[in-house]
Protein backbone atom coordinates (compact mmCIF):
# COMPACT_ATOMS: atom_id res chain seq x y z
CA UNK A 1 18.89 -58.11 10.02
CA UNK A 2 20.85 -55.65 7.90
CA UNK A 3 17.70 -53.62 7.19
CA UNK A 4 16.98 -53.21 10.91
CA UNK A 5 20.57 -52.15 11.59
CA UNK A 6 20.55 -49.67 8.71
CA UNK A 7 17.17 -48.28 9.80
CA UNK A 8 18.30 -47.84 13.41
CA UNK A 9 21.53 -46.14 12.37
CA UNK A 10 19.68 -43.75 10.04
CA UNK A 11 17.21 -42.88 12.79
CA UNK A 12 20.05 -42.29 15.24
CA UNK A 13 21.86 -40.00 12.80
CA UNK A 14 18.61 -38.11 12.11
CA UNK A 15 17.89 -37.56 15.80
CA UNK A 16 21.44 -36.37 16.43
CA UNK A 17 21.13 -33.95 13.53
CA UNK A 18 17.79 -32.60 14.74
CA UNK A 19 19.01 -32.08 18.30
CA UNK A 20 22.20 -30.39 17.11
CA UNK A 21 20.19 -28.07 14.88
CA UNK A 22 17.83 -27.08 17.70
CA UNK A 23 20.72 -26.39 20.09
CA UNK A 24 22.48 -24.24 17.51
CA UNK A 25 19.25 -22.38 16.75
CA UNK A 26 18.52 -21.63 20.40
CA UNK A 27 22.11 -20.53 20.99
CA UNK A 28 21.91 -18.07 18.08
CA UNK A 29 18.58 -16.75 19.31
CA UNK A 30 19.91 -16.05 22.80
CA UNK A 31 22.88 -13.97 21.63
CA UNK A 32 22.25 -10.28 22.34
CA UNK A 33 23.72 -7.88 19.82
CA UNK A 34 23.97 -4.71 21.89
CA UNK A 35 21.22 -2.60 23.35
CA UNK A 36 18.45 -1.27 21.23
CA UNK A 37 17.39 2.32 21.71
CA UNK A 38 13.73 3.15 21.63
CA UNK A 39 12.79 5.88 19.21
CA UNK A 40 9.58 7.82 19.20
CA UNK A 41 7.75 7.63 15.93
CA UNK A 42 6.17 10.93 15.05
CA UNK A 43 4.21 11.78 11.96
CA UNK A 44 3.96 15.19 10.41
CA UNK A 45 0.37 16.07 9.63
CA UNK A 46 -0.24 18.82 7.13
CA UNK A 47 -3.52 20.55 7.88
CA UNK A 48 -3.89 22.05 4.40
CA UNK A 49 -3.09 18.82 2.55
CA UNK A 50 -6.07 17.98 0.33
CA UNK A 51 -4.55 15.23 -1.79
CA UNK A 52 -1.10 14.49 -3.02
CA UNK A 53 -1.52 15.93 -6.50
CA UNK A 54 1.84 14.98 -7.92
CA UNK A 55 2.93 15.97 -11.41
CA UNK A 56 3.17 12.29 -12.33
CA UNK A 57 -0.53 11.76 -11.68
CA UNK A 58 -1.42 14.88 -13.61
CA UNK A 59 0.69 13.61 -16.50
CA UNK A 60 -1.16 10.30 -16.39
CA UNK A 61 -4.47 12.17 -16.62
CA UNK A 62 -3.25 14.27 -19.56
CA UNK A 63 -1.98 11.16 -21.34
CA UNK A 64 -5.32 9.43 -20.79
CA UNK A 65 -7.20 12.43 -22.22
CA UNK A 66 -4.92 12.42 -25.27
CA UNK A 67 -5.36 8.68 -25.88
CA UNK A 68 -9.14 8.86 -25.49
CA UNK A 69 -9.24 11.69 -28.03
CA UNK A 70 -7.13 9.59 -30.39
CA UNK A 71 -9.50 6.65 -29.90
CA UNK A 72 -12.48 8.88 -30.70
CA UNK A 73 -10.82 9.82 -33.99
CA UNK A 74 -9.59 6.39 -35.10
CA UNK A 75 -12.07 3.86 -33.60
CA UNK A 76 -9.45 1.06 -33.69
CA UNK A 77 -8.95 -1.82 -31.29
CA UNK A 78 -5.35 -0.84 -30.63
CA UNK A 79 -6.33 2.74 -29.75
CA UNK A 80 -9.10 1.40 -27.50
CA UNK A 81 -6.66 -0.79 -25.58
CA UNK A 82 -4.23 2.09 -25.09
CA UNK A 83 -6.97 4.48 -24.00
CA UNK A 84 -8.58 1.99 -21.61
CA UNK A 85 -5.23 1.12 -20.04
CA UNK A 86 -4.44 4.81 -19.56
CA UNK A 87 -7.84 5.51 -17.98
CA UNK A 88 -7.44 2.55 -15.62
CA UNK A 89 -4.09 3.92 -14.43
CA UNK A 90 -5.52 7.36 -13.56
CA UNK A 91 -5.58 7.93 -9.80
CA UNK A 92 -8.72 8.00 -7.67
CA UNK A 93 -8.02 11.67 -6.96
CA UNK A 94 -9.33 12.43 -10.44
CA UNK A 95 -12.40 10.25 -10.13
CA UNK A 96 -14.76 12.67 -11.90
CA UNK A 97 -12.44 13.11 -14.88
CA UNK A 98 -11.81 9.37 -14.92
CA UNK A 99 -15.55 8.67 -15.09
CA UNK A 100 -15.92 11.23 -17.88
CA UNK A 101 -13.14 9.60 -19.91
CA UNK A 102 -14.65 6.15 -19.35
CA UNK A 103 -18.02 7.44 -20.55
CA UNK A 104 -16.39 8.83 -23.71
CA UNK A 105 -14.79 5.43 -24.37
CA UNK A 106 -18.13 3.67 -23.91
CA UNK A 107 -19.85 6.09 -26.31
CA UNK A 108 -17.27 5.32 -29.00
CA UNK A 109 -17.66 1.58 -28.39
CA UNK A 110 -21.40 1.90 -29.02
CA UNK A 111 -20.59 3.28 -32.46
CA UNK A 112 -18.35 0.30 -33.22
CA UNK A 113 -14.81 -0.28 -34.46
CA UNK A 114 -13.36 0.68 -37.82
CA UNK A 115 -11.48 -2.16 -39.47
């Protein structure tokens, strides 16, 4: 008897809570916060823009070249990890140089590591 009464009261409280929450949610959604102005979105297109060759990307390429050269000299695992990470970071804009650096790394790997 007590279990049925407790169950019914819990269900009643839950339904009241759910209905109150939905009413509050719909009331908040219907409040209008002023008028919204429409703005035209325009994009500036640069006709002579080949690629965005930023100094940061050029620096990444230079750093990768330096680390690959260091790896060619030392043949260590640590130098390989640094060089490979740097080559992976190089942007797609420098795809030919990136492929060249990757080929240099692979050539050194064929020779083996120095312990």
